[in-house]
Every structure is written in structure tokens, then in C-alpha cells.
């Protein structure tokens, strides 16, 4: 089931399905975020603050507006060994 990254619960794992286009996509790809990548949502700050995700063992903050345009799949099989420091 595809949902916005904002709808994923803190601590939840998901796989990126669709990303925004344009410059936002280029900046996200430079951070290691691309379709098919498995990520963990660490936190979403209140009042339209940034969303922090774990990708490749690193924490990355994404603006609320951009995170709203990232479509993810939350139906995953198995766990993950990845740990963010």
C-alpha cells in the first residue's frame, strides 16, 4: 500500500516507490534516497517540521513539504539489520 512518508509511524520501515521531480529529486538522490531504497522513519517533527529518516546507516532530515511528496510502501517482509547512529 503506497502512502506519503508523513503517514509512516516513527520507527517504521518502508520502501520508496515514487519521489518528487525536479531539483528536489536531485537533492534527495544525492542524499541516497531513490525509488526501491528501504528506509526507516526516525521522527517527524510537529507543526510541519522536518522528517528524519535512516538511509544506509545515516540519518537524513527532509523538509515537510518534500516528505509529503515521497510515496512509500509500508508492506514489508522480514526485519532489517541496519542501524542508524
Protein backbone atom coordinates (compact mmCIF):
# COMPACT_ATOMS: atom_id res chain seq x y z
CA UNK A 1 0.00 0.00 0.00
CA UNK A 2 1.57 3.29 -1.10
CA UNK A 3 1.28 6.23 1.33
CA UNK A 4 3.06 9.51 1.92
CA UNK A 5 6.24 9.32 4.03
CA UNK A 6 4.45 11.60 6.50
CA UNK A 7 1.94 8.81 7.26
CA UNK A 8 4.61 6.28 8.33
CA UNK A 9 4.84 5.89 12.11
CA UNK A 10 8.06 6.90 13.84
CA UNK A 11 10.37 3.88 13.85
CA UNK A 12 8.54 2.31 10.90
CA UNK A 13 10.27 0.80 7.86
CA UNK A 14 9.22 1.43 4.27
CA UNK A 15 10.43 1.28 0.67
CA UNK A 16 10.44 4.40 -1.51
CA UNK A 17 8.13 3.98 -4.53
CA UNK A 18 7.86 7.49 -6.04
CA UNK A 19 9.74 10.72 -5.47
CA UNK A 20 9.11 14.35 -6.39
CA UNK A 21 10.56 15.51 -9.69
CA UNK A 22 12.93 18.33 -10.48
CA UNK A 23 15.59 19.74 -8.20
CA UNK A 24 14.09 18.05 -5.13
CA UNK A 25 14.71 14.63 -6.73
CA UNK A 26 18.32 15.52 -7.48
CA UNK A 27 18.96 16.64 -3.91
CA UNK A 28 17.28 13.56 -2.45
CA UNK A 29 19.27 11.26 -4.71
CA UNK A 30 22.49 12.96 -3.58
CA UNK A 31 21.45 12.00 -0.02
CA UNK A 32 21.00 8.35 -1.07
CA UNK A 33 17.21 8.39 -1.40
CA UNK A 34 15.85 6.81 -4.59
CA UNK A 35 12.95 4.54 -5.61
CA UNK A 36 13.42 0.99 -4.31
CA UNK A 37 15.52 2.10 -1.32
CA UNK A 38 14.48 0.73 2.08
CA UNK A 39 14.42 3.42 4.79
CA UNK A 40 13.33 3.85 8.39
CA UNK A 41 11.43 6.92 9.54
CA UNK A 42 13.13 8.07 12.73
CA UNK A 43 10.88 11.02 13.57
CA UNK A 44 8.53 13.61 12.20
CA UNK A 45 8.59 16.96 13.97
CA UNK A 46 5.31 18.71 14.81
CA UNK A 47 3.99 21.86 13.14
CA UNK A 48 5.30 20.94 9.68
CA UNK A 49 8.88 20.46 10.86
CA UNK A 50 11.42 18.19 9.14
CA UNK A 51 11.17 14.41 8.87
CA UNK A 52 14.27 12.42 9.84
CA UNK A 53 14.92 9.09 8.12
CA UNK A 54 17.65 6.47 8.31
CA UNK A 55 19.19 5.54 4.96
CA UNK A 56 22.34 3.44 4.59
CA UNK A 57 23.09 3.82 8.32
CA UNK A 58 22.91 7.62 8.23
CA UNK A 59 20.25 10.00 9.50
CA UNK A 60 18.94 12.48 6.93
CA UNK A 61 16.47 15.32 7.54
CA UNK A 62 13.91 16.09 4.82
CA UNK A 63 11.63 19.12 4.73
CA UNK A 64 7.96 18.51 5.48
CA UNK A 65 6.76 19.60 2.02
CA UNK A 66 9.21 17.32 0.21
CA UNK A 67 8.47 14.39 2.57
CA UNK A 68 4.76 14.79 1.76
CA UNK A 69 5.57 14.15 -1.93
CA UNK A 70 7.57 10.95 -1.30
CA UNK A 71 5.37 7.88 -1.81
CA UNK A 72 6.40 4.76 0.12
CA UNK A 73 5.24 1.16 0.54
CA UNK A 74 4.83 0.09 4.16
CA UNK A 75 4.08 -3.60 3.46
CA UNK A 76 7.48 -5.15 4.10
CA UNK A 77 8.55 -8.71 4.75
CA UNK A 78 11.09 -9.52 7.46
CA UNK A 79 13.22 -7.21 9.61
CA UNK A 80 16.29 -5.16 8.97
CA UNK A 81 19.78 -5.28 10.40
CA UNK A 82 20.54 -1.65 9.54
CA UNK A 83 21.26 0.64 12.48
CA UNK A 84 21.43 4.43 12.46
CA UNK A 85 23.95 6.04 14.70
